[in-house]
Amino acid sequence: MDINDMFDGIMKSINQFAEGRSRTSCASRHSNVPVHQIAEQRLQEST
């Protein structure tokens, strides 16, 4: 397993968790934005 496979697995897990949370709560201001897009945006902002 290379580093890209590891991060892909992490992002899939995060997205699954976020989907479960968005079904039970709409309190998140990003409830309609996929988690990977938020993560990519934050990564770009930090560099």
PDB file of N, CA and C in Angstrom:
ATOM      1  N   MET A   1       0.859  -1.180   0.000  1.00  0.00           N
ATOM      2  CA  MET A   1       0.000   0.000   0.000  1.00  0.00           C
ATOM      3  C   MET A   1       0.896   1.232   0.000  1.00  0.00           C
ATOM      4  N   ASP A   2       0.650   2.113  -0.956  1.00  0.00           N
ATOM      5  CA  ASP A   2       1.420   3.360  -0.973  1.00  0.00           C
ATOM      6  C   ASP A   2       0.644   4.464  -0.255  1.00  0.00           C
ATOM      7  N   ILE A   3       1.257   5.619  -0.120  1.00  0.00           N
ATOM      8  CA  ILE A   3       0.677   6.724   0.644  1.00  0.00           C
ATOM      9  C   ILE A   3      -0.646   7.201   0.028  1.00  0.00           C
ATOM     10  N   ASN A   4      -0.756   7.188  -1.290  1.00  0.00           N
ATOM     11  CA  ASN A   4      -1.994   7.621  -1.946  1.00  0.00           C
ATOM     12  C   ASN A   4      -3.157   6.685  -1.621  1.00  0.00           C
ATOM     13  N   ASP A   5      -2.886   5.379  -1.601  1.00  0.00           N
ATOM     14  CA  ASP A   5      -3.922   4.416  -1.235  1.00  0.00           C
ATOM     15  C   ASP A   5      -4.374   4.632   0.204  1.00  0.00           C
ATOM     16  N   MET A   6      -3.419   4.932   1.069  1.00  0.00           N
ATOM     17  CA  MET A   6      -3.760   5.158   2.463  1.00  0.00           C
ATOM     18  C   MET A   6      -4.667   6.378   2.601  1.00  0.00           C
ATOM     19  N   PHE A   7      -4.310   7.486   1.942  1.00  0.00           N
ATOM     20  CA  PHE A   7      -5.129   8.690   2.031  1.00  0.00           C
ATOM     21  C   PHE A   7      -6.489   8.501   1.359  1.00  0.00           C
ATOM     22  N   ASP A   8      -6.544   7.755   0.280  1.00  0.00           N
ATOM     23  CA  ASP A   8      -7.837   7.453  -0.343  1.00  0.00           C
ATOM     24  C   ASP A   8      -8.742   6.710   0.639  1.00  0.00           C
ATOM     25  N   GLY A   9      -8.185   5.751   1.351  1.00  0.00           N
ATOM     26  CA  GLY A   9      -8.957   5.014   2.336  1.00  0.00           C
ATOM     27  C   GLY A   9      -9.429   5.906   3.472  1.00  0.00           C
ATOM     28  N   ILE A  10      -8.565   6.800   3.920  1.00  0.00           N
ATOM     29  CA  ILE A  10      -8.944   7.732   4.983  1.00  0.00           C
ATOM     30  C   ILE A  10     -10.082   8.623   4.514  1.00  0.00           C
ATOM     31  N   MET A  11      -9.974   9.170   3.312  1.00  0.00           N
ATOM     32  CA  MET A  11     -11.015  10.069   2.803  1.00  0.00           C
ATOM     33  C   MET A  11     -12.339   9.333   2.619  1.00  0.00           C
ATOM     34  N   LYS A  12     -12.287   8.090   2.159  1.00  0.00           N
ATOM     35  CA  LYS A  12     -13.526   7.313   2.032  1.00  0.00           C
ATOM     36  C   LYS A  12     -14.186   7.118   3.387  1.00  0.00           C
ATOM     37  N   SER A  13     -13.382   6.824   4.393  1.00  0.00           N
ATOM     38  CA  SER A  13     -13.920   6.647   5.743  1.00  0.00           C
ATOM     39  C   SER A  13     -14.530   7.939   6.261  1.00  0.00           C
ATOM     40  N   ILE A  14     -13.847   9.048   6.049  1.00  0.00           N
ATOM     41  CA  ILE A  14     -14.352  10.348   6.495  1.00  0.00           C
ATOM     42  C   ILE A  14     -15.660  10.674   5.784  1.00  0.00           C
ATOM     43  N   ASN A  15     -15.712  10.442   4.487  1.00  0.00           N
ATOM     44  CA  ASN A  15     -16.934  10.728   3.732  1.00  0.00           C
ATOM     45  C   ASN A  15     -18.100   9.858   4.202  1.00  0.00           C
ATOM     46  N   GLN A  16     -17.838   8.596   4.492  1.00  0.00           N
ATOM     47  CA  GLN A  16     -18.894   7.728   4.993  1.00  0.00           C
ATOM     48  C   GLN A  16     -19.395   8.232   6.346  1.00  0.00           C
ATOM     49  N   PHE A  17     -18.472   8.636   7.202  1.00  0.00           N
ATOM     50  CA  PHE A  17     -18.856   9.170   8.502  1.00  0.00           C
ATOM     51  C   PHE A  17     -19.676  10.448   8.330  1.00  0.00           C
ATOM     52  N   ALA A  18     -19.227  11.322   7.434  1.00  0.00           N
ATOM     53  CA  ALA A  18     -19.922  12.592   7.212  1.00  0.00           C
ATOM     54  C   ALA A  18     -21.319  12.361   6.631  1.00  0.00           C
ATOM     55  N   GLU A  19     -21.459  11.394   5.746  1.00  0.00           N
ATOM     56  CA  GLU A  19     -22.779  11.094   5.190  1.00  0.00           C
ATOM     57  C   GLU A  19     -23.724  10.641   6.289  1.00  0.00           C
ATOM     58  N   GLY A  20     -23.244   9.828   7.192  1.00  0.00           N
ATOM     59  CA  GLY A  20     -24.061   9.376   8.302  1.00  0.00           C
ATOM     60  C   GLY A  20     -24.447  10.530   9.211  1.00  0.00           C
ATOM     61  N   ARG A  21     -23.530  11.444   9.443  1.00  0.00           N
ATOM     62  CA  ARG A  21     -23.805  12.601  10.296  1.00  0.00           C
ATOM     63  C   ARG A  21     -24.776  13.559   9.613  1.00  0.00           C
ATOM     64  N   SER A  22     -24.632  13.747   8.303  1.00  0.00           N
ATOM     65  CA  SER A  22     -25.507  14.705   7.621  1.00  0.00           C
ATOM     66  C   SER A  22     -26.944  14.190   7.562  1.00  0.00           C
ATOM     67  N   ARG A  23     -27.124  12.887   7.624  1.00  0.00           N
ATOM     68  CA  ARG A  23     -28.482  12.343   7.647  1.00  0.00           C
ATOM     69  C   ARG A  23     -29.162  12.609   8.982  1.00  0.00           C
ATOM     70  N   THR A  24     -28.350  12.694  10.043  1.00  0.00           N
ATOM     71  CA  THR A  24     -28.923  12.866  11.375  1.00  0.00           C
ATOM     72  C   THR A  24     -28.909  14.306  11.849  1.00  0.00           C
ATOM     73  N   SER A  25     -28.107  15.158  11.208  1.00  0.00           N
ATOM     74  CA  SER A  25     -28.004  16.545  11.665  1.00  0.00           C
ATOM     75  C   SER A  25     -27.707  17.459  10.494  1.00  0.00           C
ATOM     76  N   CYS A  26     -28.421  18.545  10.419  1.00  0.00           N
ATOM     77  CA  CYS A  26     -28.174  19.547   9.384  1.00  0.00           C
ATOM     78  C   CYS A  26     -27.494  20.768   9.989  1.00  0.00           C
ATOM     79  N   ALA A  27     -26.907  20.621  11.151  1.00  0.00           N
ATOM     80  CA  ALA A  27     -26.302  21.740  11.849  1.00  0.00           C
ATOM     81  C   ALA A  27     -25.008  22.198  11.185  1.00  0.00           C
ATOM     82  N   SER A  28     -24.381  21.331  10.433  1.00  0.00           N
ATOM     83  CA  SER A  28     -23.115  21.698   9.808  1.00  0.00           C
ATOM     84  C   SER A  28     -23.332  22.730   8.713  1.00  0.00           C
ATOM     85  N   ARG A  29     -22.483  23.733   8.689  1.00  0.00           N
ATOM     86  CA  ARG A  29     -22.612  24.745   7.637  1.00  0.00           C
ATOM     87  C   ARG A  29     -22.191  24.208   6.280  1.00  0.00           C
ATOM     88  N   HIS A  30     -21.514  23.051   6.258  1.00  0.00           N
ATOM     89  CA  HIS A  30     -21.067  22.432   5.014  1.00  0.00           C
ATOM     90  C   HIS A  30     -21.813  21.134   4.740  1.00  0.00           C
ATOM     91  N   SER A  31     -23.025  21.006   5.221  1.00  0.00           N
ATOM     92  CA  SER A  31     -23.716  19.720   5.135  1.00  0.00           C
ATOM     93  C   SER A  31     -23.954  19.258   3.702  1.00  0.00           C
ATOM     94  N   ASN A  32     -23.958  20.177   2.739  1.00  0.00           N
ATOM     95  CA  ASN A  32     -24.178  19.775   1.353  1.00  0.00           C
ATOM     96  C   ASN A  32     -22.888  19.739   0.537  1.00  0.00           C
ATOM     97  N   VAL A  33     -21.736  19.960   1.176  1.00  0.00           N
ATOM     98  CA  VAL A  33     -20.451  19.946   0.487  1.00  0.00           C
ATOM     99  C   VAL A  33     -19.707  18.675   0.896  1.00  0.00           C
ATOM    100  N   PRO A  34     -19.244  17.886  -0.093  1.00  0.00           N
ATOM    101  CA  PRO A  34     -18.490  16.680   0.251  1.00  0.00           C
ATOM    102  C   PRO A  34     -17.250  17.009   1.070  1.00  0.00           C
ATOM    103  N   VAL A  35     -16.943  16.158   2.014  1.00  0.00           N
ATOM    104  CA  VAL A  35     -15.825  16.395   2.922  1.00  0.00           C
ATOM    105  C   VAL A  35     -14.516  16.540   2.169  1.00  0.00           C
ATOM    106  N   HIS A  36     -14.320  15.751   1.103  1.00  0.00           N
ATOM    107  CA  HIS A  36     -13.051  15.838   0.390  1.00  0.00           C
ATOM    108  C   HIS A  36     -12.851  17.217  -0.239  1.00  0.00           C
ATOM    109  N   GLN A  37     -13.920  17.892  -0.640  1.00  0.00           N
ATOM    110  CA  GLN A  37     -13.782  19.236  -1.185  1.00  0.00           C
ATOM    111  C   GLN A  37     -13.367  20.220  -0.105  1.00  0.00           C
ATOM    112  N   ILE A  38     -13.930  20.086   1.087  1.00  0.00           N
ATOM    113  CA  ILE A  38     -13.547  20.950   2.199  1.00  0.00           C
ATOM    114  C   ILE A  38     -12.089  20.714   2.556  1.00  0.00           C
ATOM    115  N   ALA A  39     -11.679  19.435   2.610  1.00  0.00           N
ATOM    116  CA  ALA A  39     -10.298  19.100   2.944  1.00  0.00           C
ATOM    117  C   ALA A  39      -9.331  19.661   1.907  1.00  0.00           C
ATOM    118  N   GLU A  40      -9.676  19.541   0.625  1.00  0.00           N
ATOM    119  CA  GLU A  40      -8.814  20.076  -0.427  1.00  0.00           C
ATOM    120  C   GLU A  40      -8.703  21.594  -0.324  1.00  0.00           C
ATOM    121  N   GLN A  41      -9.816  22.259  -0.039  1.00  0.00           N
ATOM    122  CA  GLN A  41      -9.806  23.712   0.091  1.00  0.00           C
ATOM    123  C   GLN A  41      -8.927  24.139   1.264  1.00  0.00           C
ATOM    124  N   ARG A  42      -9.068  23.485   2.386  1.00  0.00           N
ATOM    125  CA  ARG A  42      -8.245  23.830   3.557  1.00  0.00           C
ATOM    126  C   ARG A  42      -6.782  23.572   3.305  1.00  0.00           C
ATOM    127  N   LEU A  43      -6.476  22.491   2.574  1.00  0.00           N
ATOM    128  CA  LEU A  43      -5.092  22.198   2.230  1.00  0.00           C
ATOM    129  C   LEU A  43      -4.510  23.298   1.358  1.00  0.00           C
ATOM    130  N   GLN A  44      -5.275  23.759   0.373  1.00  0.00           N
ATOM    131  CA  GLN A  44      -4.803  24.825  -0.501  1.00  0.00           C
ATOM    132  C   GLN A  44      -4.613  26.130   0.262  1.00  0.00           C
ATOM    133  N   GLU A  45      -5.503  26.400   1.215  1.00  0.00           N
ATOM    134  CA  GLU A  45      -5.401  27.623   2.012  1.00  0.00           C
ATOM    135  C   GLU A  45      -4.164  27.601   2.902  1.00  0.00           C
ATOM    136  N   SER A  46      -3.777  26.416   3.362  1.00  0.00           N
ATOM    137  CA  SER A  46      -2.650  26.315   4.292  1.00  0.00           C
ATOM    138  C   SER A  46      -1.295  26.357   3.591  1.00  0.00           C
ATOM    139  N   THR A  47      -1.274  26.200   2.278  1.00  0.00           N
ATOM    140  CA  THR A  47       0.001  26.216   1.562  1.00  0.00           C
ATOM    141  C   THR A  47       0.264  27.529   0.877  1.00  0.00           C
TER     142      THR A  47
END
